[in-house]
Amino acid sequence: MNNLGAYSITMAVVLGCAIGLAILLGRHRDRLHSYFGARTPTARANLEIAPGARIMVVEVDGMTVVCGLNKTGITALQVVNRANGGAT
């Protein structure tokens, strides 16, 4: 019975810490988001090649990505690093 009591207390402390951390991160979410930086993609060009299929040029974190979009998903066709200008 003693081991069960110690186990219960340990689990209660761990659960309390997890809930406290979740509340703390929720309150400071905006500050953490601005610290790590928003990585918002920017659409530069858009070309519809067929109904429901298009090619887009998107810039993310200084890299240019050519993507193919269709009804089932997105595929990266070409990734261009702006720093050296070469395709990778």
Protein backbone atom coordinates (compact mmCIF):
# COMPACT_ATOMS: atom_id res chain seq x y z
CA MET A 1 0.00 0.00 0.00
CA ASN A 2 2.93 2.31 0.69
CA ASN A 3 4.25 1.96 -2.88
CA LEU A 4 0.79 2.73 -4.30
CA GLY A 5 0.57 5.93 -2.23
CA ALA A 6 4.02 7.10 -3.33
CA TYR A 7 3.16 6.31 -6.94
CA SER A 8 -0.09 8.28 -6.69
CA ILE A 9 1.65 11.30 -5.19
CA THR A 10 4.36 11.20 -7.87
CA MET A 11 1.80 11.01 -10.66
CA ALA A 12 -0.17 13.90 -9.13
CA VAL A 13 2.97 16.06 -9.01
CA VAL A 14 3.91 15.19 -12.61
CA LEU A 15 0.37 15.90 -13.82
CA GLY A 16 0.31 19.19 -11.90
CA CYS A 17 3.62 20.25 -13.45
CA ALA A 18 2.38 19.38 -16.95
CA ILE A 19 -0.82 21.40 -16.45
CA GLY A 20 1.13 24.32 -15.00
CA LEU A 21 3.54 24.31 -17.93
CA ALA A 22 0.63 24.23 -20.40
CA ILE A 23 -0.98 27.23 -18.71
CA LEU A 24 2.33 29.11 -18.63
CA LEU A 25 3.02 28.47 -22.31
CA GLY A 26 -0.54 29.49 -23.18
CA ARG A 27 -0.14 32.83 -21.42
CA HIS A 28 3.20 33.61 -23.07
CA ARG A 29 2.40 32.19 -26.51
CA ASP A 30 2.58 35.57 -28.28
CA ARG A 31 5.93 36.42 -26.72
CA LEU A 32 7.38 33.04 -27.65
CA HIS A 33 6.01 33.32 -31.18
CA SER A 34 7.64 36.73 -31.70
CA TYR A 35 10.92 35.50 -30.20
CA PHE A 36 11.24 32.52 -32.52
CA GLY A 37 9.86 34.52 -35.44
CA ALA A 38 6.87 34.03 -37.63
CA ARG A 39 7.66 32.05 -40.74
CA THR A 40 4.85 33.26 -42.93
CA PRO A 41 5.10 32.11 -46.52
CA THR A 42 4.55 34.75 -49.19
CA ALA A 43 3.01 33.81 -52.53
CA ARG A 44 4.91 35.53 -55.36
CA ALA A 45 3.29 34.07 -58.48
CA ASN A 46 0.35 31.83 -59.33
CA LEU A 47 -0.36 30.06 -62.62
CA GLU A 48 -3.38 27.83 -63.24
CA ILE A 49 -2.40 25.05 -65.66
CA ALA A 50 -5.63 23.02 -65.53
CA PRO A 51 -8.90 23.07 -63.61
CA GLY A 52 -7.92 22.27 -60.02
CA ALA A 53 -4.17 22.28 -60.75
CA ARG A 54 -1.81 25.21 -60.44
CA ILE A 55 1.84 26.13 -60.02
CA MET A 56 2.83 28.64 -57.35
CA VAL A 57 6.07 30.40 -56.47
CA VAL A 58 6.27 30.86 -52.70
CA GLU A 59 8.95 32.54 -50.58
CA VAL A 60 9.63 31.02 -47.15
CA ASP A 61 12.52 32.06 -44.88
CA GLY A 62 14.53 33.60 -47.73
CA MET A 63 14.10 30.57 -49.96
CA THR A 64 11.99 30.46 -53.09
CA VAL A 65 9.93 27.30 -53.57
CA VAL A 66 8.10 26.35 -56.76
CA CYS A 67 5.10 24.23 -55.76
CA GLY A 68 2.58 22.19 -57.67
CA LEU A 69 -0.91 22.28 -56.16
CA ASN A 70 -3.83 20.04 -57.03
CA LYS A 71 -6.96 18.77 -55.34
CA THR A 72 -5.07 16.07 -53.42
CA GLY A 73 -2.10 18.04 -52.09
CA ILE A 74 1.01 20.16 -52.55
CA THR A 75 4.33 19.06 -54.08
CA ALA A 76 7.59 21.03 -53.96
CA LEU A 77 8.90 21.02 -57.51
CA GLN A 78 12.00 23.20 -57.11
CA VAL A 79 13.69 24.87 -54.13
CA VAL A 80 15.92 27.87 -54.87
CA ASN A 81 18.21 29.25 -52.17
CA ARG A 82 18.30 33.01 -52.52
CA ALA A 83 21.73 33.33 -50.84
CA ASN A 84 23.66 31.58 -53.60
CA GLY A 85 21.02 31.76 -56.33
CA GLY A 86 21.44 28.08 -57.18
CA ALA A 87 18.85 25.35 -57.27
CA THR A 88 19.02 22.61 -54.67
